[in-house]
Amino acid sequence: MKEKIQLTDFEWQVLQATLTIPLGETRSYQWIADKIGRPKAVRAVGSALRKNPYPLIIPCHRVIKSDGTLGRYAGKMDGKKAELLAIE
């Protein structure tokens, strides 16, 4: 049985903004928050990205911390984000 994807409007806005990040480039969680008009919602952006139901289509691995470090990918620090960025 397929699960129905239930995301809030905010979460969809985050994912839509993430889709605008060009291949081979990165943007910060703050950039996403600013782009959707919610500049103080940086942590909530990270939470929304963790719920990304289409990680191969919506490139949440391109979102990094403002200080340039990678941060987590799918809630983990297992090197996958770095691997995906290196492939691009």
PDB file of N, CA and C in Angstrom:
ATOM      1  N   MET A   1       0.839  -1.180   0.000  1.00  0.00           N
ATOM      2  CA  MET A   1       0.000   0.000   0.000  1.00  0.00           C
ATOM      3  C   MET A   1       0.884   1.242   0.000  1.00  0.00           C
ATOM      4  N   LYS A   2       0.587   2.167  -0.888  1.00  0.00           N
ATOM      5  CA  LYS A   2       1.385   3.393  -0.987  1.00  0.00           C
ATOM      6  C   LYS A   2       0.985   4.379   0.088  1.00  0.00           C
ATOM      7  N   GLU A   3       2.008   5.042   0.616  1.00  0.00           N
ATOM      8  CA  GLU A   3       1.778   6.083   1.604  1.00  0.00           C
ATOM      9  C   GLU A   3       1.445   7.384   0.909  1.00  0.00           C
ATOM     10  N   LYS A   4       0.486   8.103   1.437  1.00  0.00           N
ATOM     11  CA  LYS A   4       0.144   9.405   0.886  1.00  0.00           C
ATOM     12  C   LYS A   4       1.100  10.441   1.460  1.00  0.00           C
ATOM     13  N   ILE A   5       1.682  11.251   0.602  1.00  0.00           N
ATOM     14  CA  ILE A   5       2.639  12.261   1.047  1.00  0.00           C
ATOM     15  C   ILE A   5       1.864  13.444   1.619  1.00  0.00           C
ATOM     16  N   GLN A   6       2.134  13.738   2.873  1.00  0.00           N
ATOM     17  CA  GLN A   6       1.463  14.851   3.520  1.00  0.00           C
ATOM     18  C   GLN A   6       2.505  15.830   4.038  1.00  0.00           C
ATOM     19  N   LEU A   7       2.650  16.923   3.323  1.00  0.00           N
ATOM     20  CA  LEU A   7       3.557  17.980   3.732  1.00  0.00           C
ATOM     21  C   LEU A   7       2.758  19.264   3.892  1.00  0.00           C
ATOM     22  N   THR A   8       3.232  20.126   4.768  1.00  0.00           N
ATOM     23  CA  THR A   8       2.571  21.415   4.962  1.00  0.00           C
ATOM     24  C   THR A   8       2.904  22.345   3.794  1.00  0.00           C
ATOM     25  N   ASP A   9       2.174  23.437   3.692  1.00  0.00           N
ATOM     26  CA  ASP A   9       2.471  24.433   2.660  1.00  0.00           C
ATOM     27  C   ASP A   9       3.903  24.938   2.804  1.00  0.00           C
ATOM     28  N   PHE A  10       4.334  25.164   4.042  1.00  0.00           N
ATOM     29  CA  PHE A  10       5.700  25.617   4.290  1.00  0.00           C
ATOM     30  C   PHE A  10       6.705  24.603   3.749  1.00  0.00           C
ATOM     31  N   GLU A  11       6.492  23.334   4.038  1.00  0.00           N
ATOM     32  CA  GLU A  11       7.420  22.299   3.577  1.00  0.00           C
ATOM     33  C   GLU A  11       7.479  22.238   2.049  1.00  0.00           C
ATOM     34  N   TRP A  12       6.328  22.369   1.394  1.00  0.00           N
ATOM     35  CA  TRP A  12       6.331  22.397  -0.079  1.00  0.00           C
ATOM     36  C   TRP A  12       7.069  23.622  -0.602  1.00  0.00           C
ATOM     37  N   GLN A  13       6.915  24.772   0.063  1.00  0.00           N
ATOM     38  CA  GLN A  13       7.631  25.984  -0.357  1.00  0.00           C
ATOM     39  C   GLN A  13       9.137  25.766  -0.275  1.00  0.00           C
ATOM     40  N   VAL A  14       9.572  25.123   0.792  1.00  0.00           N
ATOM     41  CA  VAL A  14      10.996  24.827   0.960  1.00  0.00           C
ATOM     42  C   VAL A  14      11.482  23.930  -0.177  1.00  0.00           C
ATOM     43  N   LEU A  15      10.733  22.892  -0.471  1.00  0.00           N
ATOM     44  CA  LEU A  15      11.130  21.967  -1.530  1.00  0.00           C
ATOM     45  C   LEU A  15      11.122  22.642  -2.899  1.00  0.00           C
ATOM     46  N   GLN A  16      10.149  23.500  -3.152  1.00  0.00           N
ATOM     47  CA  GLN A  16      10.101  24.221  -4.427  1.00  0.00           C
ATOM     48  C   GLN A  16      11.295  25.164  -4.567  1.00  0.00           C
ATOM     49  N   ALA A  17      11.668  25.842  -3.491  1.00  0.00           N
ATOM     50  CA  ALA A  17      12.834  26.728  -3.535  1.00  0.00           C
ATOM     51  C   ALA A  17      14.105  25.922  -3.779  1.00  0.00           C
ATOM     52  N   THR A  18      14.177  24.734  -3.199  1.00  0.00           N
ATOM     53  CA  THR A  18      15.336  23.862  -3.367  1.00  0.00           C
ATOM     54  C   THR A  18      15.493  23.437  -4.829  1.00  0.00           C
ATOM     55  N   LEU A  19      14.388  23.268  -5.515  1.00  0.00           N
ATOM     56  CA  LEU A  19      14.425  22.895  -6.937  1.00  0.00           C
ATOM     57  C   LEU A  19      15.102  23.953  -7.808  1.00  0.00           C
ATOM     58  N   THR A  20      15.188  25.183  -7.323  1.00  0.00           N
ATOM     59  CA  THR A  20      15.779  26.261  -8.123  1.00  0.00           C
ATOM     60  C   THR A  20      17.302  26.320  -8.019  1.00  0.00           C
ATOM     61  N   ILE A  21      17.900  25.505  -7.173  1.00  0.00           N
ATOM     62  CA  ILE A  21      19.355  25.505  -7.016  1.00  0.00           C
ATOM     63  C   ILE A  21      19.965  24.785  -8.224  1.00  0.00           C
ATOM     64  N   PRO A  22      20.804  25.469  -8.993  1.00  0.00           N
ATOM     65  CA  PRO A  22      21.381  24.846 -10.196  1.00  0.00           C
ATOM     66  C   PRO A  22      22.288  23.655  -9.886  1.00  0.00           C
ATOM     67  N   LEU A  23      22.352  22.766 -10.825  1.00  0.00           N
ATOM     68  CA  LEU A  23      23.227  21.602 -10.750  1.00  0.00           C
ATOM     69  C   LEU A  23      24.661  22.044 -10.468  1.00  0.00           C
ATOM     70  N   GLY A  24      25.307  21.404  -9.519  1.00  0.00           N
ATOM     71  CA  GLY A  24      26.692  21.704  -9.197  1.00  0.00           C
ATOM     72  C   GLY A  24      26.890  22.893  -8.281  1.00  0.00           C
ATOM     73  N   GLU A  25      25.798  23.517  -7.851  1.00  0.00           N
ATOM     74  CA  GLU A  25      25.898  24.663  -6.943  1.00  0.00           C
ATOM     75  C   GLU A  25      25.233  24.329  -5.616  1.00  0.00           C
ATOM     76  N   THR A  26      25.546  25.121  -4.612  1.00  0.00           N
ATOM     77  CA  THR A  26      24.921  24.953  -3.303  1.00  0.00           C
ATOM     78  C   THR A  26      24.335  26.281  -2.851  1.00  0.00           C
ATOM     79  N   ARG A  27      23.415  26.198  -1.925  1.00  0.00           N
ATOM     80  CA  ARG A  27      22.832  27.365  -1.277  1.00  0.00           C
ATOM     81  C   ARG A  27      22.680  27.020   0.199  1.00  0.00           C
ATOM     82  N   SER A  28      22.566  28.033   1.028  1.00  0.00           N
ATOM     83  CA  SER A  28      22.459  27.801   2.470  1.00  0.00           C
ATOM     84  C   SER A  28      21.000  27.637   2.908  1.00  0.00           C
ATOM     85  N   TYR A  29      20.851  27.064   4.086  1.00  0.00           N
ATOM     86  CA  TYR A  29      19.525  26.969   4.691  1.00  0.00           C
ATOM     87  C   TYR A  29      18.938  28.378   4.828  1.00  0.00           C
ATOM     88  N   GLN A  30      19.795  29.342   5.158  1.00  0.00           N
ATOM     89  CA  GLN A  30      19.340  30.729   5.277  1.00  0.00           C
ATOM     90  C   GLN A  30      18.843  31.253   3.939  1.00  0.00           C
ATOM     91  N   TRP A  31      19.519  30.912   2.855  1.00  0.00           N
ATOM     92  CA  TRP A  31      19.109  31.342   1.514  1.00  0.00           C
ATOM     93  C   TRP A  31      17.703  30.838   1.213  1.00  0.00           C
ATOM     94  N   ILE A  32      17.438  29.566   1.541  1.00  0.00           N
ATOM     95  CA  ILE A  32      16.103  28.993   1.329  1.00  0.00           C
ATOM     96  C   ILE A  32      15.074  29.761   2.157  1.00  0.00           C
ATOM     97  N   ALA A  33      15.390  29.983   3.438  1.00  0.00           N
ATOM     98  CA  ALA A  33      14.466  30.695   4.318  1.00  0.00           C
ATOM     99  C   ALA A  33      14.161  32.090   3.773  1.00  0.00           C
ATOM    100  N   ASP A  34      15.189  32.788   3.315  1.00  0.00           N
ATOM    101  CA  ASP A  34      14.990  34.120   2.740  1.00  0.00           C
ATOM    102  C   ASP A  34      14.156  34.050   1.468  1.00  0.00           C
ATOM    103  N   LYS A  35      14.440  33.071   0.616  1.00  0.00           N
ATOM    104  CA  LYS A  35      13.755  32.939  -0.670  1.00  0.00           C
ATOM    105  C   LYS A  35      12.249  32.722  -0.500  1.00  0.00           C
ATOM    106  N   ILE A  36      11.865  32.018   0.552  1.00  0.00           N
ATOM    107  CA  ILE A  36      10.437  31.774   0.757  1.00  0.00           C
ATOM    108  C   ILE A  36       9.792  32.825   1.666  1.00  0.00           C
ATOM    109  N   GLY A  37      10.556  33.858   2.011  1.00  0.00           N
ATOM    110  CA  GLY A  37      10.016  34.955   2.808  1.00  0.00           C
ATOM    111  C   GLY A  37       9.892  34.657   4.289  1.00  0.00           C
ATOM    112  N   ARG A  38      10.674  33.707   4.767  1.00  0.00           N
ATOM    113  CA  ARG A  38      10.651  33.340   6.187  1.00  0.00           C
ATOM    114  C   ARG A  38      12.064  33.330   6.742  1.00  0.00           C
ATOM    115  N   PRO A  39      12.738  34.500   6.806  1.00  0.00           N
ATOM    116  CA  PRO A  39      14.159  34.565   7.149  1.00  0.00           C
ATOM    117  C   PRO A  39      14.539  34.017   8.521  1.00  0.00           C
ATOM    118  N   LYS A  40      13.601  33.894   9.432  1.00  0.00           N
ATOM    119  CA  LYS A  40      13.924  33.373  10.765  1.00  0.00           C
ATOM    120  C   LYS A  40      13.644  31.868  10.886  1.00  0.00           C
ATOM    121  N   ALA A  41      13.229  31.251   9.792  1.00  0.00           N
ATOM    122  CA  ALA A  41      12.820  29.847   9.833  1.00  0.00           C
ATOM    123  C   ALA A  41      13.917  28.895   9.356  1.00  0.00           C
ATOM    124  N   VAL A  42      15.168  29.230   9.646  1.00  0.00           N
ATOM    125  CA  VAL A  42      16.291  28.441   9.151  1.00  0.00           C
ATOM    126  C   VAL A  42      16.236  26.995   9.648  1.00  0.00           C
ATOM    127  N   ARG A  43      15.991  26.798  10.914  1.00  0.00           N
ATOM    128  CA  ARG A  43      15.930  25.433  11.461  1.00  0.00           C
ATOM    129  C   ARG A  43      14.744  24.661  10.892  1.00  0.00           C
ATOM    130  N   ALA A  44      13.633  25.365  10.694  1.00  0.00           N
ATOM    131  CA  ALA A  44      12.447  24.723  10.119  1.00  0.00           C
ATOM    132  C   ALA A  44      12.709  24.300   8.675  1.00  0.00           C
ATOM    133  N   VAL A  45      13.553  25.047   7.969  1.00  0.00           N
ATOM    134  CA  VAL A  45      13.944  24.664   6.609  1.00  0.00           C
ATOM    135  C   VAL A  45      14.645  23.311   6.647  1.00  0.00           C
ATOM    136  N   GLY A  46      15.562  23.146   7.581  1.00  0.00           N
ATOM    137  CA  GLY A  46      16.255  21.864   7.721  1.00  0.00           C
ATOM    138  C   GLY A  46      15.295  20.723   8.021  1.00  0.00           C
ATOM    139  N   SER A  47      14.326  20.986   8.865  1.00  0.00           N
ATOM    140  CA  SER A  47      13.332  19.959   9.192  1.00  0.00           C
ATOM    141  C   SER A  47      12.491  19.603   7.971  1.00  0.00           C
ATOM    142  N   ALA A  48      12.137  20.605   7.189  1.00  0.00           N
ATOM    143  CA  ALA A  48      11.350  20.357   5.976  1.00  0.00           C
ATOM    144  C   ALA A  48      12.153  19.538   4.970  1.00  0.00           C
ATOM    145  N   LEU A  49      13.426  19.853   4.824  1.00  0.00           N
ATOM    146  CA  LEU A  49      14.268  19.108   3.881  1.00  0.00           C
ATOM    147  C   LEU A  49      14.425  17.650   4.307  1.00  0.00           C
ATOM    148  N   ARG A  50      14.420  17.403   5.598  1.00  0.00           N
ATOM    149  CA  ARG A  50      14.532  16.045   6.101  1.00  0.00           C
ATOM    150  C   ARG A  50      13.324  15.204   5.683  1.00  0.00           C
ATOM    151  N   LYS A  51      12.194  15.856   5.395  1.00  0.00           N
ATOM    152  CA  LYS A  51      10.975  15.151   4.994  1.00  0.00           C
ATOM    153  C   LYS A  51      10.852  15.007   3.478  1.00  0.00           C
ATOM    154  N   ASN A  52      11.861  15.430   2.748  1.00  0.00           N
ATOM    155  CA  ASN A  52      11.832  15.391   1.285  1.00  0.00           C
ATOM    156  C   ASN A  52      11.477  13.982   0.786  1.00  0.00           C
ATOM    157  N   PRO A  53      10.307  13.841   0.142  1.00  0.00           N
ATOM    158  CA  PRO A  53       9.910  12.513  -0.323  1.00  0.00           C
ATOM    159  C   PRO A  53      10.578  12.101  -1.641  1.00  0.00           C
ATOM    160  N   TYR A  54      11.245  13.043  -2.297  1.00  0.00           N
ATOM    161  CA  TYR A  54      11.867  12.791  -3.606  1.00  0.00           C
ATOM    162  C   TYR A  54      13.321  13.263  -3.630  1.00  0.00           C
ATOM    163  N   PRO A  55      14.197  12.683  -2.806  1.00  0.00           N
ATOM    164  CA  PRO A  55      15.563  13.190  -2.699  1.00  0.00           C
ATOM    165  C   PRO A  55      16.380  13.113  -3.984  1.00  0.00           C
ATOM    166  N   LEU A  56      16.025  12.225  -4.895  1.00  0.00           N
ATOM    167  CA  LEU A  56      16.762  12.169  -6.159  1.00  0.00           C
ATOM    168  C   LEU A  56      16.280  13.220  -7.146  1.00  0.00           C
ATOM    169  N   ILE A  57      15.086  13.742  -6.927  1.00  0.00           N
ATOM    170  CA  ILE A  57      14.519  14.761  -7.817  1.00  0.00           C
ATOM    171  C   ILE A  57      14.679  16.157  -7.223  1.00  0.00           C
ATOM    172  N   ILE A  58      14.375  16.285  -5.946  1.00  0.00           N
ATOM    173  CA  ILE A  58      14.515  17.566  -5.247  1.00  0.00           C
ATOM    174  C   ILE A  58      15.857  17.526  -4.534  1.00  0.00           C
ATOM    175  N   PRO A  59      16.833  18.301  -5.021  1.00  0.00           N
ATOM    176  CA  PRO A  59      18.226  18.163  -4.584  1.00  0.00           C
ATOM    177  C   PRO A  59      18.548  18.780  -3.227  1.00  0.00           C
ATOM    178  N   CYS A  60      18.007  18.205  -2.164  1.00  0.00           N
ATOM    179  CA  CYS A  60      18.254  18.765  -0.833  1.00  0.00           C
ATOM    180  C   CYS A  60      19.720  18.648  -0.423  1.00  0.00           C
ATOM    181  N   HIS A  61      20.487  17.816  -1.104  1.00  0.00           N
ATOM    182  CA  HIS A  61      21.918  17.709  -0.791  1.00  0.00           C
ATOM    183  C   HIS A  61      22.668  18.984  -1.179  1.00  0.00           C
ATOM    184  N   ARG A  62      22.047  19.848  -1.979  1.00  0.00           N
ATOM    185  CA  ARG A  62      22.676  21.116  -2.375  1.00  0.00           C
ATOM    186  C   ARG A  62      22.513  22.215  -1.339  1.00  0.00           C
ATOM    187  N   VAL A  63      21.816  21.937  -0.247  1.00  0.00           N
ATOM    188  CA  VAL A  63      21.598  22.933   0.803  1.00  0.00           C
ATOM    189  C   VAL A  63      22.605  22.676   1.915  1.00  0.00           C
ATOM    190  N   ILE A  64      23.385  23.713   2.217  1.00  0.00           N
ATOM    191  CA  ILE A  64      24.456  23.596   3.207  1.00  0.00           C
ATOM    192  C   ILE A  64      24.306  24.688   4.268  1.00  0.00           C
ATOM    193  N   LYS A  65      25.145  24.622   5.273  1.00  0.00           N
ATOM    194  CA  LYS A  65      25.131  25.643   6.327  1.00  0.00           C
ATOM    195  C   LYS A  65      25.717  26.958   5.815  1.00  0.00           C
ATOM    196  N   SER A  66      25.349  28.042   6.452  1.00  0.00           N
ATOM    197  CA  SER A  66      25.845  29.367   6.059  1.00  0.00           C
ATOM    198  C   SER A  66      27.353  29.497   6.164  1.00  0.00           C
ATOM    199  N   ASP A  67      27.967  28.706   7.056  1.00  0.00           N
ATOM    200  CA  ASP A  67      29.423  28.782   7.213  1.00  0.00           C
ATOM    201  C   ASP A  67      30.177  27.943   6.178  1.00  0.00           C
ATOM    202  N   GLY A  68      29.431  27.315   5.260  1.00  0.00           N
ATOM    203  CA  GLY A  68      30.050  26.528   4.198  1.00  0.00           C
ATOM    204  C   GLY A  68      30.205  25.051   4.498  1.00  0.00           C
ATOM    205  N   THR A  69      29.947  24.657   5.745  1.00  0.00           N
ATOM    206  CA  THR A  69      30.018  23.226   6.054  1.00  0.00           C
ATOM    207  C   THR A  69      28.753  22.541   5.546  1.00  0.00           C
ATOM    208  N   LEU A  70      28.847  21.243   5.350  1.00  0.00           N
ATOM    209  CA  LEU A  70      27.757  20.537   4.693  1.00  0.00           C
ATOM    210  C   LEU A  70      26.515  20.332   5.544  1.00  0.00           C
ATOM    211  N   GLY A  71      26.685  20.067   6.806  1.00  0.00           N
ATOM    212  CA  GLY A  71      25.520  19.738   7.620  1.00  0.00           C
ATOM    213  C   GLY A  71      25.070  18.316   7.358  1.00  0.00           C
ATOM    214  N   ARG A  72      23.863  18.019   7.731  1.00  0.00           N
ATOM    215  CA  ARG A  72      23.343  16.661   7.629  1.00  0.00           C
ATOM    216  C   ARG A  72      22.633  16.435   6.295  1.00  0.00           C
ATOM    217  N   TYR A  73      22.482  15.159   5.952  1.00  0.00           N
ATOM    218  CA  TYR A  73      21.709  14.758   4.786  1.00  0.00           C
ATOM    219  C   TYR A  73      20.772  13.659   5.233  1.00  0.00           C
ATOM    220  N   ALA A  74      19.471  13.908   5.076  1.00  0.00           N
ATOM    221  CA  ALA A  74      18.444  12.966   5.544  1.00  0.00           C
ATOM    222  C   ALA A  74      18.616  12.682   7.037  1.00  0.00           C
ATOM    223  N   GLY A  75      19.042  13.702   7.780  1.00  0.00           N
ATOM    224  CA  GLY A  75      19.194  13.572   9.219  1.00  0.00           C
ATOM    225  C   GLY A  75      20.441  12.855   9.672  1.00  0.00           C
ATOM    226  N   LYS A  76      21.340  12.543   8.747  1.00  0.00           N
ATOM    227  CA  LYS A  76      22.549  11.782   9.100  1.00  0.00           C
ATOM    228  C   LYS A  76      23.812  12.506   8.653  1.00  0.00           C
ATOM    229  N   MET A  77      24.904  12.192   9.316  1.00  0.00           N
ATOM    230  CA  MET A  77      26.229  12.701   8.943  1.00  0.00           C
ATOM    231  C   MET A  77      27.055  11.515   8.457  1.00  0.00           C
ATOM    232  N   ASP A  78      26.652  10.920   7.341  1.00  0.00           N
ATOM    233  CA  ASP A  78      27.316   9.705   6.885  1.00  0.00           C
ATOM    234  C   ASP A  78      28.123   9.882   5.602  1.00  0.00           C
ATOM    235  N   GLY A  79      28.308  11.125   5.169  1.00  0.00           N
ATOM    236  CA  GLY A  79      29.114  11.382   3.983  1.00  0.00           C
ATOM    237  C   GLY A  79      28.356  11.347   2.661  1.00  0.00           C
ATOM    238  N   LYS A  80      27.087  10.996   2.686  1.00  0.00           N
ATOM    239  CA  LYS A  80      26.310  10.904   1.441  1.00  0.00           C
ATOM    240  C   LYS A  80      26.178  12.258   0.752  1.00  0.00           C
ATOM    241  N   LYS A  81      25.997  13.317   1.532  1.00  0.00           N
ATOM    242  CA  LYS A  81      25.850  14.647   0.950  1.00  0.00           C
ATOM    243  C   LYS A  81      27.111  15.013   0.173  1.00  0.00           C
ATOM    244  N   ALA A  82      28.254  14.783   0.774  1.00  0.00           N
ATOM    245  CA  ALA A  82      29.535  15.075   0.097  1.00  0.00           C
ATOM    246  C   ALA A  82      29.679  14.238  -1.164  1.00  0.00           C
ATOM    247  N   GLU A  83      29.292  12.980  -1.104  1.00  0.00           N
ATOM    248  CA  GLU A  83      29.368  12.102  -2.283  1.00  0.00           C
ATOM    249  C   GLU A  83      28.489  12.621  -3.422  1.00  0.00           C
ATOM    250  N   LEU A  84      27.270  13.005  -3.090  1.00  0.00           N
ATOM    251  CA  LEU A  84      26.353  13.510  -4.117  1.00  0.00           C
ATOM    252  C   LEU A  84      26.863  14.808  -4.744  1.00  0.00           C
ATOM    253  N   LEU A  85      27.391  15.687  -3.915  1.00  0.00           N
ATOM    254  CA  LEU A  85      27.940  16.953  -4.438  1.00  0.00           C
ATOM    255  C   LEU A  85      29.163  16.691  -5.320  1.00  0.00           C
ATOM    256  N   ALA A  86      29.972  15.736  -4.950  1.00  0.00           N
ATOM    257  CA  ALA A  86      31.163  15.398  -5.748  1.00  0.00           C
ATOM    258  C   ALA A  86      30.787  14.841  -7.116  1.00  0.00           C
ATOM    259  N   ILE A  87      29.689  14.107  -7.172  1.00  0.00           N
ATOM    260  CA  ILE A  87      29.217  13.548  -8.447  1.00  0.00           C
ATOM    261  C   ILE A  87      28.789  14.663  -9.387  1.00  0.00           C
ATOM    262  N   GLU A  88      28.201  15.702  -8.831  1.00  0.00           N
ATOM    263  CA  GLU A  88      27.751  16.818  -9.665  1.00  0.00           C
ATOM    264  C   GLU A  88      28.935  17.596 -10.167  1.00  0.00           C
TER     265      GLU A  88
END
